[in-house]
Amino acid sequence: MTFEQPSPSESNSEGPLDSNEEGQGLPLNEHLVELRRRLIHSILALAVGFGVAYYFIDPIFDAVARPLKQVLPTGSDIIFVAYSEGFFAYLKLAFVCGIFLSSPVILYEIWAFIAPGLYSHEKRIVLPLAFISSLCFIGGGVFGYFVVFPAAFGFFAGYSGAGLRLMPNITEYLSFAIHLLLAFGLAFELPVFMLFLGMMGIVRAEWLRKWRRYAILIAFIVAAILTPTPDVVNQILMAVPLILLYELGILLVWMADTFMPRLKKPNNDTQNATPIV
């Protein structure tokens, strides 16, 4: 009895699909090439955002300093004592603004780097997750600017009096403001992270509700770590939104469990596989 050798076209039609389509791991060298490409795109986007922010650095600084200037006593102003201090402070501010401006591209590149390890039905969520992540990151910065800044600066400025005059240094002020903006931007990514874990089937809404009390404790611990100063006001202003974001994450995970399929390999992939004898 003789057996016919299958032609290349037949074996390709019955064999496994492309690894990128089936969510299989790529070789290490292809991962490194993909990582380099994503990093280059992110760096270019950050450079463009930095250039745009530095071009408008004067109105940007006025906007960032406005919450502090509104609570400064009469005759006080933001100062700098070293010749190069103002220049490097402006560079630092432009760099952080460039991060916020380029965050949609950077977050998309992060999700796109994860995409080759996903199945074809999973890749459809990459762009929506990148968009939602960008909104949450920018929304966290906006929340920090409009809600946290006035309360924090008003609290600190209240200690100035007849024998104590507030004259903030530009470097210290920008470091404080930038840390708060970045901290709230990252904190607002919590619901997106929880949604992704829920769609992967790693966490469930019932499990998250069960561990709510521990999440509240962790929120205050994270707030104490992320806030630039160890004061109670800033920690509460960050811990409370984290708790609310955790509740939002529970709602999103429940919606994912109810209305969306989890990120897992379809069952018909194994059922339709051709047995090898």
C-alpha atoms as a PDB file:
ATOM      1  CA  MET A   1       0.000   0.000   0.000  1.00  0.00           C
ATOM      2  CA  THR A   2       1.328   3.426  -0.910  1.00  0.00           C
ATOM      3  CA  PHE A   3       0.561   6.777   0.614  1.00  0.00           C
ATOM      4  CA  GLU A   4       0.495  10.014  -1.295  1.00  0.00           C
ATOM      5  CA  GLN A   5       2.543  12.861   0.103  1.00  0.00           C
ATOM      6  CA  PRO A   6       0.223  15.831   0.630  1.00  0.00           C
ATOM      7  CA  SER A   7       1.000  18.830  -1.508  1.00  0.00           C
ATOM      8  CA  PRO A   8       2.282  22.030   0.188  1.00  0.00           C
ATOM      9  CA  SER A   9      -0.966  23.835  -0.576  1.00  0.00           C
ATOM     10  CA  GLU A  10      -3.014  21.103   1.048  1.00  0.00           C
ATOM     11  CA  SER A  11      -0.838  20.955   4.123  1.00  0.00           C
ATOM     12  CA  ASN A  12      -0.977  24.737   4.476  1.00  0.00           C
ATOM     13  CA  SER A  13      -4.756  24.759   4.183  1.00  0.00           C
ATOM     14  CA  GLU A  14      -5.173  22.103   6.877  1.00  0.00           C
ATOM     15  CA  GLY A  15      -2.347  23.157   9.139  1.00  0.00           C
ATOM     16  CA  PRO A  16      -2.436  25.723  11.894  1.00  0.00           C
ATOM     17  CA  LEU A  17      -3.109  29.307  11.075  1.00  0.00           C
ATOM     18  CA  ASP A  18      -0.560  32.061  11.374  1.00  0.00           C
ATOM     19  CA  SER A  19       0.755  32.461  14.894  1.00  0.00           C
ATOM     20  CA  ASN A  20      -0.290  36.080  15.002  1.00  0.00           C
ATOM     21  CA  GLU A  21      -3.882  35.134  14.200  1.00  0.00           C
ATOM     22  CA  GLU A  22      -3.998  32.305  16.741  1.00  0.00           C
ATOM     23  CA  GLY A  23      -2.492  34.203  19.623  1.00  0.00           C
ATOM     24  CA  GLN A  24       0.596  31.981  19.842  1.00  0.00           C
ATOM     25  CA  GLY A  25       3.829  33.431  21.141  1.00  0.00           C
ATOM     26  CA  LEU A  26       6.185  35.084  18.729  1.00  0.00           C
ATOM     27  CA  PRO A  27       9.896  34.226  18.643  1.00  0.00           C
ATOM     28  CA  LEU A  28      12.091  36.246  20.967  1.00  0.00           C
ATOM     29  CA  ASN A  29      13.783  38.182  18.180  1.00  0.00           C
ATOM     30  CA  GLU A  30      10.416  39.238  16.734  1.00  0.00           C
ATOM     31  CA  HIS A  31       9.316  40.359  20.208  1.00  0.00           C
ATOM     32  CA  LEU A  32      12.449  42.492  20.513  1.00  0.00           C
ATOM     33  CA  VAL A  33      11.942  44.007  17.062  1.00  0.00           C
ATOM     34  CA  GLU A  34       8.308  44.758  17.872  1.00  0.00           C
ATOM     35  CA  LEU A  35       9.294  46.268  21.241  1.00  0.00           C
ATOM     36  CA  ARG A  36      11.895  48.499  19.579  1.00  0.00           C
ATOM     37  CA  ARG A  37       9.379  49.682  17.001  1.00  0.00           C
ATOM     38  CA  ARG A  38       6.785  50.512  19.660  1.00  0.00           C
ATOM     39  CA  LEU A  39       9.392  52.333  21.765  1.00  0.00           C
ATOM     40  CA  ILE A  40      10.506  54.410  18.777  1.00  0.00           C
ATOM     41  CA  HIS A  41       6.915  55.401  18.010  1.00  0.00           C
ATOM     42  CA  SER A  42       6.330  56.339  21.669  1.00  0.00           C
ATOM     43  CA  ILE A  43       9.542  58.372  21.879  1.00  0.00           C
ATOM     44  CA  LEU A  44       8.723  60.232  18.663  1.00  0.00           C
ATOM     45  CA  ALA A  45       5.228  61.015  19.942  1.00  0.00           C
ATOM     46  CA  LEU A  46       6.706  62.196  23.250  1.00  0.00           C
ATOM     47  CA  ALA A  47       9.213  64.388  21.408  1.00  0.00           C
ATOM     48  CA  VAL A  48       6.430  65.999  19.381  1.00  0.00           C
ATOM     49  CA  GLY A  49       4.355  66.546  22.522  1.00  0.00           C
ATOM     50  CA  PHE A  50       7.382  68.033  24.296  1.00  0.00           C
ATOM     51  CA  GLY A  51       8.033  70.433  21.403  1.00  0.00           C
ATOM     52  CA  VAL A  52       4.421  71.594  21.299  1.00  0.00           C
ATOM     53  CA  ALA A  53       4.316  72.040  25.087  1.00  0.00           C
ATOM     54  CA  TYR A  54       7.587  73.977  25.183  1.00  0.00           C
ATOM     55  CA  TYR A  55       6.372  76.295  22.435  1.00  0.00           C
ATOM     56  CA  PHE A  56       3.413  77.219  24.650  1.00  0.00           C
ATOM     57  CA  ILE A  57       5.304  76.933  27.937  1.00  0.00           C
ATOM     58  CA  ASP A  58       4.447  80.434  29.203  1.00  0.00           C
ATOM     59  CA  PRO A  59       0.642  80.032  29.109  1.00  0.00           C
ATOM     60  CA  ILE A  60       1.043  76.446  30.364  1.00  0.00           C
ATOM     61  CA  PHE A  61       3.049  77.625  33.364  1.00  0.00           C
ATOM     62  CA  ASP A  62       0.500  80.372  34.056  1.00  0.00           C
ATOM     63  CA  ALA A  63      -2.268  77.763  34.025  1.00  0.00           C
ATOM     64  CA  VAL A  64      -0.358  75.352  36.289  1.00  0.00           C
ATOM     65  CA  ALA A  65       0.605  78.135  38.723  1.00  0.00           C
ATOM     66  CA  ARG A  66      -2.886  79.692  38.825  1.00  0.00           C
ATOM     67  CA  PRO A  67      -4.252  77.477  41.658  1.00  0.00           C
ATOM     68  CA  LEU A  68      -1.303  78.459  43.850  1.00  0.00           C
ATOM     69  CA  LYS A  69      -1.335  82.156  42.943  1.00  0.00           C
ATOM     70  CA  GLN A  70      -5.000  82.362  43.896  1.00  0.00           C
ATOM     71  CA  VAL A  71      -4.217  81.427  47.505  1.00  0.00           C
ATOM     72  CA  LEU A  72      -0.889  83.249  47.900  1.00  0.00           C
ATOM     73  CA  PRO A  73      -0.875  86.178  50.337  1.00  0.00           C
ATOM     74  CA  THR A  74      -0.566  89.671  48.910  1.00  0.00           C
ATOM     75  CA  GLY A  75       3.015  90.411  47.943  1.00  0.00           C
ATOM     76  CA  SER A  76       4.050  86.768  47.588  1.00  0.00           C
ATOM     77  CA  ASP A  77       5.046  85.181  44.324  1.00  0.00           C
ATOM     78  CA  ILE A  78       6.751  82.081  42.949  1.00  0.00           C
ATOM     79  CA  ILE A  79      10.516  82.580  42.971  1.00  0.00           C
ATOM     80  CA  PHE A  80      13.715  80.861  41.847  1.00  0.00           C
ATOM     81  CA  VAL A  81      17.157  81.426  43.374  1.00  0.00           C
ATOM     82  CA  ALA A  82      19.553  79.744  40.917  1.00  0.00           C
ATOM     83  CA  TYR A  83      20.232  81.138  37.455  1.00  0.00           C
ATOM     84  CA  SER A  84      19.333  77.926  35.613  1.00  0.00           C
ATOM     85  CA  GLU A  85      16.508  76.890  37.922  1.00  0.00           C
ATOM     86  CA  GLY A  86      13.739  78.536  35.914  1.00  0.00           C
ATOM     87  CA  PHE A  87      15.014  77.066  32.639  1.00  0.00           C
ATOM     88  CA  PHE A  88      15.162  73.484  33.919  1.00  0.00           C
ATOM     89  CA  ALA A  89      11.800  73.871  35.638  1.00  0.00           C
ATOM     90  CA  TYR A  90      10.268  74.870  32.313  1.00  0.00           C
ATOM     91  CA  LEU A  91      11.907  71.852  30.630  1.00  0.00           C
ATOM     92  CA  LYS A  92      10.489  69.538  33.286  1.00  0.00           C
ATOM     93  CA  LEU A  93       7.024  71.032  32.926  1.00  0.00           C
ATOM     94  CA  ALA A  94       7.168  70.740  29.123  1.00  0.00           C
ATOM     95  CA  PHE A  95       8.258  67.100  29.416  1.00  0.00           C
ATOM     96  CA  VAL A  96       5.321  66.188  31.679  1.00  0.00           C
ATOM     97  CA  CYS A  97       2.887  68.064  29.434  1.00  0.00           C
ATOM     98  CA  GLY A  98       4.380  66.138  26.515  1.00  0.00           C
ATOM     99  CA  ILE A  99       3.553  62.893  28.337  1.00  0.00           C
ATOM    100  CA  PHE A 100      -0.087  63.938  28.665  1.00  0.00           C
ATOM    101  CA  LEU A 101      -0.256  65.118  25.044  1.00  0.00           C
ATOM    102  CA  SER A 102       1.309  61.930  23.694  1.00  0.00           C
ATOM    103  CA  SER A 103      -0.492  59.588  26.115  1.00  0.00           C
ATOM    104  CA  PRO A 104      -3.012  58.374  23.473  1.00  0.00           C
ATOM    105  CA  VAL A 105      -0.149  57.257  21.220  1.00  0.00           C
ATOM    106  CA  ILE A 106       1.918  55.791  24.067  1.00  0.00           C
ATOM    107  CA  LEU A 107      -0.990  53.839  25.533  1.00  0.00           C
ATOM    108  CA  TYR A 108      -1.979  52.599  22.088  1.00  0.00           C
ATOM    109  CA  GLU A 109       1.576  51.372  21.482  1.00  0.00           C
ATOM    110  CA  ILE A 110       1.490  49.521  24.808  1.00  0.00           C
ATOM    111  CA  TRP A 111      -1.768  47.768  23.949  1.00  0.00           C
ATOM    112  CA  ALA A 112      -0.573  47.128  20.386  1.00  0.00           C
ATOM    113  CA  PHE A 113       2.557  45.440  21.734  1.00  0.00           C
ATOM    114  CA  ILE A 114       0.322  43.079  23.719  1.00  0.00           C
ATOM    115  CA  ALA A 115      -1.927  42.414  20.695  1.00  0.00           C
ATOM    116  CA  PRO A 116       0.315  39.840  18.882  1.00  0.00           C
ATOM    117  CA  GLY A 117      -0.138  37.525  21.878  1.00  0.00           C
ATOM    118  CA  LEU A 118      -3.927  37.711  21.596  1.00  0.00           C
ATOM    119  CA  TYR A 119      -6.378  35.861  19.403  1.00  0.00           C
ATOM    120  CA  SER A 120      -8.112  37.528  16.496  1.00  0.00           C
ATOM    121  CA  HIS A 121     -11.358  38.072  18.425  1.00  0.00           C
ATOM    122  CA  GLU A 122      -9.367  39.613  21.301  1.00  0.00           C
ATOM    123  CA  LYS A 123      -7.529  42.156  19.152  1.00  0.00           C
ATOM    124  CA  ARG A 124     -10.750  44.055  18.537  1.00  0.00           C
ATOM    125  CA  ILE A 125     -10.600  45.522  22.051  1.00  0.00           C
ATOM    126  CA  VAL A 126      -7.064  46.964  21.684  1.00  0.00           C
ATOM    127  CA  LEU A 127      -8.153  50.264  20.168  1.00  0.00           C
ATOM    128  CA  PRO A 128     -11.107  50.805  22.571  1.00  0.00           C
ATOM    129  CA  LEU A 129      -8.876  50.012  25.567  1.00  0.00           C
ATOM    130  CA  ALA A 130      -6.231  52.445  24.325  1.00  0.00           C
ATOM    131  CA  PHE A 131      -8.880  55.148  23.906  1.00  0.00           C
ATOM    132  CA  ILE A 132     -10.418  54.529  27.339  1.00  0.00           C
ATOM    133  CA  SER A 133      -6.959  54.411  28.957  1.00  0.00           C
ATOM    134  CA  SER A 134      -6.103  57.787  27.437  1.00  0.00           C
ATOM    135  CA  LEU A 135      -9.344  59.323  28.679  1.00  0.00           C
ATOM    136  CA  CYS A 136      -8.770  57.967  32.183  1.00  0.00           C
ATOM    137  CA  PHE A 137      -5.153  59.168  32.316  1.00  0.00           C
ATOM    138  CA  ILE A 138      -6.025  62.674  31.115  1.00  0.00           C
ATOM    139  CA  GLY A 139      -9.144  62.683  33.309  1.00  0.00           C
ATOM    140  CA  GLY A 140      -7.008  61.908  36.349  1.00  0.00           C
ATOM    141  CA  GLY A 141      -4.788  64.897  35.590  1.00  0.00           C
ATOM    142  CA  VAL A 142      -7.833  67.135  35.108  1.00  0.00           C
ATOM    143  CA  PHE A 143      -9.292  65.940  38.414  1.00  0.00           C
ATOM    144  CA  GLY A 144      -6.017  66.665  40.170  1.00  0.00           C
ATOM    145  CA  TYR A 145      -5.834  70.162  38.693  1.00  0.00           C
ATOM    146  CA  PHE A 146      -9.411  71.305  39.322  1.00  0.00           C
ATOM    147  CA  VAL A 147     -10.219  69.448  42.562  1.00  0.00           C
ATOM    148  CA  VAL A 148      -7.012  68.553  44.385  1.00  0.00           C
ATOM    149  CA  PHE A 149      -4.869  71.602  43.602  1.00  0.00           C
ATOM    150  CA  PRO A 150      -7.200  74.241  45.114  1.00  0.00           C
ATOM    151  CA  ALA A 151      -7.785  72.186  48.268  1.00  0.00           C
ATOM    152  CA  ALA A 152      -4.127  71.231  48.765  1.00  0.00           C
ATOM    153  CA  PHE A 153      -2.662  74.666  48.076  1.00  0.00           C
ATOM    154  CA  GLY A 154      -5.317  76.400  50.147  1.00  0.00           C
ATOM    155  CA  PHE A 155      -4.499  74.076  53.045  1.00  0.00           C
ATOM    156  CA  PHE A 156      -0.771  74.773  52.880  1.00  0.00           C
ATOM    157  CA  ALA A 157      -1.162  78.516  52.300  1.00  0.00           C
ATOM    158  CA  GLY A 158      -3.264  78.743  55.448  1.00  0.00           C
ATOM    159  CA  TYR A 159      -0.132  78.350  57.561  1.00  0.00           C
ATOM    160  CA  SER A 160       1.271  81.708  56.409  1.00  0.00           C
ATOM    161  CA  GLY A 161       0.737  84.570  58.823  1.00  0.00           C
ATOM    162  CA  ALA A 162       2.282  87.697  60.268  1.00  0.00           C
ATOM    163  CA  GLY A 163       5.525  85.964  61.174  1.00  0.00           C
ATOM    164  CA  LEU A 164       5.569  83.414  58.355  1.00  0.00           C
ATOM    165  CA  ARG A 165       5.472  84.480  54.732  1.00  0.00           C
ATOM    166  CA  LEU A 166       4.866  82.020  51.905  1.00  0.00           C
ATOM    167  CA  MET A 167       7.240  82.423  48.929  1.00  0.00           C
ATOM    168  CA  PRO A 168       7.222  79.084  47.061  1.00  0.00           C
ATOM    169  CA  ASN A 169      10.198  77.996  45.006  1.00  0.00           C
ATOM    170  CA  ILE A 170       9.461  77.178  41.354  1.00  0.00           C
ATOM    171  CA  THR A 171      11.329  73.844  41.419  1.00  0.00           C
ATOM    172  CA  GLU A 172       9.624  72.592  44.569  1.00  0.00           C
ATOM    173  CA  TYR A 173       6.221  73.784  43.402  1.00  0.00           C
ATOM    174  CA  LEU A 174       6.460  72.185  39.953  1.00  0.00           C
ATOM    175  CA  SER A 175       7.783  68.938  41.426  1.00  0.00           C
ATOM    176  CA  PHE A 176       4.842  68.866  43.827  1.00  0.00           C
ATOM    177  CA  ALA A 177       2.304  69.703  41.096  1.00  0.00           C
ATOM    178  CA  ILE A 178       3.773  67.269  38.551  1.00  0.00           C
ATOM    179  CA  HIS A 179       3.846  64.388  41.036  1.00  0.00           C
ATOM    180  CA  LEU A 180       0.205  65.004  41.873  1.00  0.00           C
ATOM    181  CA  LEU A 181      -0.844  65.167  38.207  1.00  0.00           C
ATOM    182  CA  LEU A 182       1.009  61.971  37.276  1.00  0.00           C
ATOM    183  CA  ALA A 183      -0.191  60.175  40.411  1.00  0.00           C
ATOM    184  CA  PHE A 184      -3.839  60.942  39.701  1.00  0.00           C
ATOM    185  CA  GLY A 185      -3.378  60.113  36.020  1.00  0.00           C
ATOM    186  CA  LEU A 186      -2.047  56.668  36.913  1.00  0.00           C
ATOM    187  CA  ALA A 187      -4.636  56.162  39.650  1.00  0.00           C
ATOM    188  CA  PHE A 188      -7.461  56.728  37.188  1.00  0.00           C
ATOM    189  CA  GLU A 189      -6.190  53.762  35.139  1.00  0.00           C
ATOM    190  CA  LEU A 190      -7.484  51.391  37.834  1.00  0.00           C
ATOM    191  CA  PRO A 191     -10.921  50.711  36.224  1.00  0.00           C
ATOM    192  CA  VAL A 192      -9.292  49.937  32.857  1.00  0.00           C
ATOM    193  CA  PHE A 193      -6.877  47.507  34.492  1.00  0.00           C
ATOM    194  CA  MET A 194      -9.717  45.824  36.380  1.00  0.00           C
ATOM    195  CA  LEU A 195     -11.798  45.611  33.195  1.00  0.00           C
ATOM    196  CA  PHE A 196      -8.931  43.951  31.319  1.00  0.00           C
ATOM    197  CA  LEU A 197      -8.443  41.391  34.102  1.00  0.00           C
ATOM    198  CA  GLY A 198     -12.180  40.765  34.171  1.00  0.00           C
ATOM    199  CA  MET A 199     -12.338  40.159  30.419  1.00  0.00           C
ATOM    200  CA  MET A 200      -9.445  37.728  30.747  1.00  0.00           C
ATOM    201  CA  GLY A 201     -11.368  35.850  33.409  1.00  0.00           C
ATOM    202  CA  ILE A 202      -8.746  36.464  36.115  1.00  0.00           C
ATOM    203  CA  VAL A 203     -11.132  38.373  38.413  1.00  0.00           C
ATOM    204  CA  ARG A 204     -14.890  38.325  38.861  1.00  0.00           C
ATOM    205  CA  ALA A 205     -17.255  40.989  40.171  1.00  0.00           C
ATOM    206  CA  GLU A 206     -18.322  38.791  43.089  1.00  0.00           C
ATOM    207  CA  TRP A 207     -14.696  38.299  44.131  1.00  0.00           C
ATOM    208  CA  LEU A 208     -14.024  42.040  43.951  1.00  0.00           C
ATOM    209  CA  ARG A 209     -17.079  42.811  46.101  1.00  0.00           C
ATOM    210  CA  LYS A 210     -15.946  40.259  48.672  1.00  0.00           C
ATOM    211  CA  TRP A 211     -12.527  41.886  49.036  1.00  0.00           C
ATOM    212  CA  ARG A 212     -13.824  45.474  49.113  1.00  0.00           C
ATOM    213  CA  ARG A 213     -12.673  46.135  52.695  1.00  0.00           C
ATOM    214  CA  TYR A 214      -9.109  45.180  51.810  1.00  0.00           C
ATOM    215  CA  ALA A 215      -9.264  47.357  48.704  1.00  0.00           C
ATOM    216  CA  ILE A 216     -10.162  50.363  50.872  1.00  0.00           C
ATOM    217  CA  LEU A 217      -7.114  49.717  53.051  1.00  0.00           C
ATOM    218  CA  ILE A 218      -4.870  49.328  50.009  1.00  0.00           C
ATOM    219  CA  ALA A 219      -6.276  52.571  48.562  1.00  0.00           C
ATOM    220  CA  PHE A 220      -5.044  54.536  51.593  1.00  0.00           C
ATOM    221  CA  ILE A 221      -1.665  52.777  51.466  1.00  0.00           C
ATOM    222  CA  VAL A 222      -1.264  53.573  47.753  1.00  0.00           C
ATOM    223  CA  ALA A 223      -2.359  57.161  48.384  1.00  0.00           C
ATOM    224  CA  ALA A 224       0.311  57.504  51.068  1.00  0.00           C
ATOM    225  CA  ILE A 225       2.936  56.223  48.622  1.00  0.00           C
ATOM    226  CA  LEU A 226       1.911  58.209  45.548  1.00  0.00           C
ATOM    227  CA  THR A 227       1.272  61.582  47.151  1.00  0.00           C
ATOM    228  CA  PRO A 228       4.422  63.734  47.157  1.00  0.00           C
ATOM    229  CA  THR A 229       3.933  64.951  50.743  1.00  0.00           C
ATOM    230  CA  PRO A 230       2.867  62.896  53.788  1.00  0.00           C
ATOM    231  CA  ASP A 231      -0.110  65.064  54.685  1.00  0.00           C
ATOM    232  CA  VAL A 232      -3.586  63.800  55.434  1.00  0.00           C
ATOM    233  CA  VAL A 233      -5.378  66.143  53.016  1.00  0.00           C
ATOM    234  CA  ASN A 234      -3.637  64.892  49.863  1.00  0.00           C
ATOM    235  CA  GLN A 235      -3.881  61.275  50.972  1.00  0.00           C
ATOM    236  CA  ILE A 236      -7.637  61.561  51.520  1.00  0.00           C
ATOM    237  CA  LEU A 237      -8.068  63.427  48.229  1.00  0.00           C
ATOM    238  CA  MET A 238      -6.398  60.505  46.461  1.00  0.00           C
ATOM    239  CA  ALA A 239      -7.756  57.597  48.515  1.00  0.00           C
ATOM    240  CA  VAL A 240     -11.422  58.561  48.094  1.00  0.00           C
ATOM    241  CA  PRO A 241     -11.235  58.688  44.250  1.00  0.00           C
ATOM    242  CA  LEU A 242      -9.359  55.359  44.301  1.00  0.00           C
ATOM    243  CA  ILE A 243     -12.201  53.782  46.272  1.00  0.00           C
ATOM    244  CA  LEU A 244     -14.763  55.231  43.857  1.00  0.00           C
ATOM    245  CA  LEU A 245     -12.685  54.017  40.905  1.00  0.00           C
ATOM    246  CA  TYR A 246     -12.591  50.559  42.480  1.00  0.00           C
ATOM    247  CA  GLU A 247     -16.383  50.573  42.638  1.00  0.00           C
ATOM    248  CA  LEU A 248     -16.467  51.672  38.987  1.00  0.00           C
ATOM    249  CA  GLY A 249     -14.114  48.821  38.151  1.00  0.00           C
ATOM    250  CA  ILE A 250     -16.486  46.365  39.842  1.00  0.00           C
ATOM    251  CA  LEU A 251     -19.335  47.688  37.703  1.00  0.00           C
ATOM    252  CA  LEU A 252     -17.251  47.374  34.520  1.00  0.00           C
ATOM    253  CA  VAL A 253     -16.182  43.831  35.403  1.00  0.00           C
ATOM    254  CA  TRP A 254     -19.821  42.894  36.049  1.00  0.00           C
ATOM    255  CA  MET A 255     -20.792  44.357  32.659  1.00  0.00           C
ATOM    256  CA  ALA A 256     -17.965  42.422  31.028  1.00  0.00           C
ATOM    257  CA  ASP A 257     -19.157  39.209  32.691  1.00  0.00           C
ATOM    258  CA  THR A 258     -22.739  39.862  31.606  1.00  0.00           C
ATOM    259  CA  PHE A 259     -22.517  41.343  28.136  1.00  0.00           C
ATOM    260  CA  MET A 260     -19.023  40.636  26.762  1.00  0.00           C
ATOM    261  CA  PRO A 261     -17.092  37.427  26.078  1.00  0.00           C
ATOM    262  CA  ARG A 262     -13.950  36.861  28.051  1.00  0.00           C
ATOM    263  CA  LEU A 263     -10.558  36.924  26.400  1.00  0.00           C
ATOM    264  CA  LYS A 264      -9.983  33.251  25.911  1.00  0.00           C
ATOM    265  CA  LYS A 265      -9.452  30.910  23.015  1.00  0.00           C
ATOM    266  CA  PRO A 266     -12.702  29.923  21.334  1.00  0.00           C
ATOM    267  CA  ASN A 267     -13.751  26.338  21.992  1.00  0.00           C
ATOM    268  CA  ASN A 268     -14.285  25.622  18.305  1.00  0.00           C
ATOM    269  CA  ASP A 269     -10.543  26.029  17.676  1.00  0.00           C
ATOM    270  CA  THR A 270      -9.840  22.698  19.295  1.00  0.00           C
ATOM    271  CA  GLN A 271     -12.961  21.102  17.935  1.00  0.00           C
ATOM    272  CA  ASN A 272     -12.099  22.011  14.347  1.00  0.00           C
ATOM    273  CA  ALA A 273      -8.453  21.002  14.652  1.00  0.00           C
ATOM    274  CA  THR A 274      -7.353  18.284  12.184  1.00  0.00           C
ATOM    275  CA  PRO A 275      -6.084  15.182  14.000  1.00  0.00           C
ATOM    276  CA  ILE A 276      -2.582  13.999  13.105  1.00  0.00           C
ATOM    277  CA  VAL A 277      -2.226  10.226  12.675  1.00  0.00           C
END
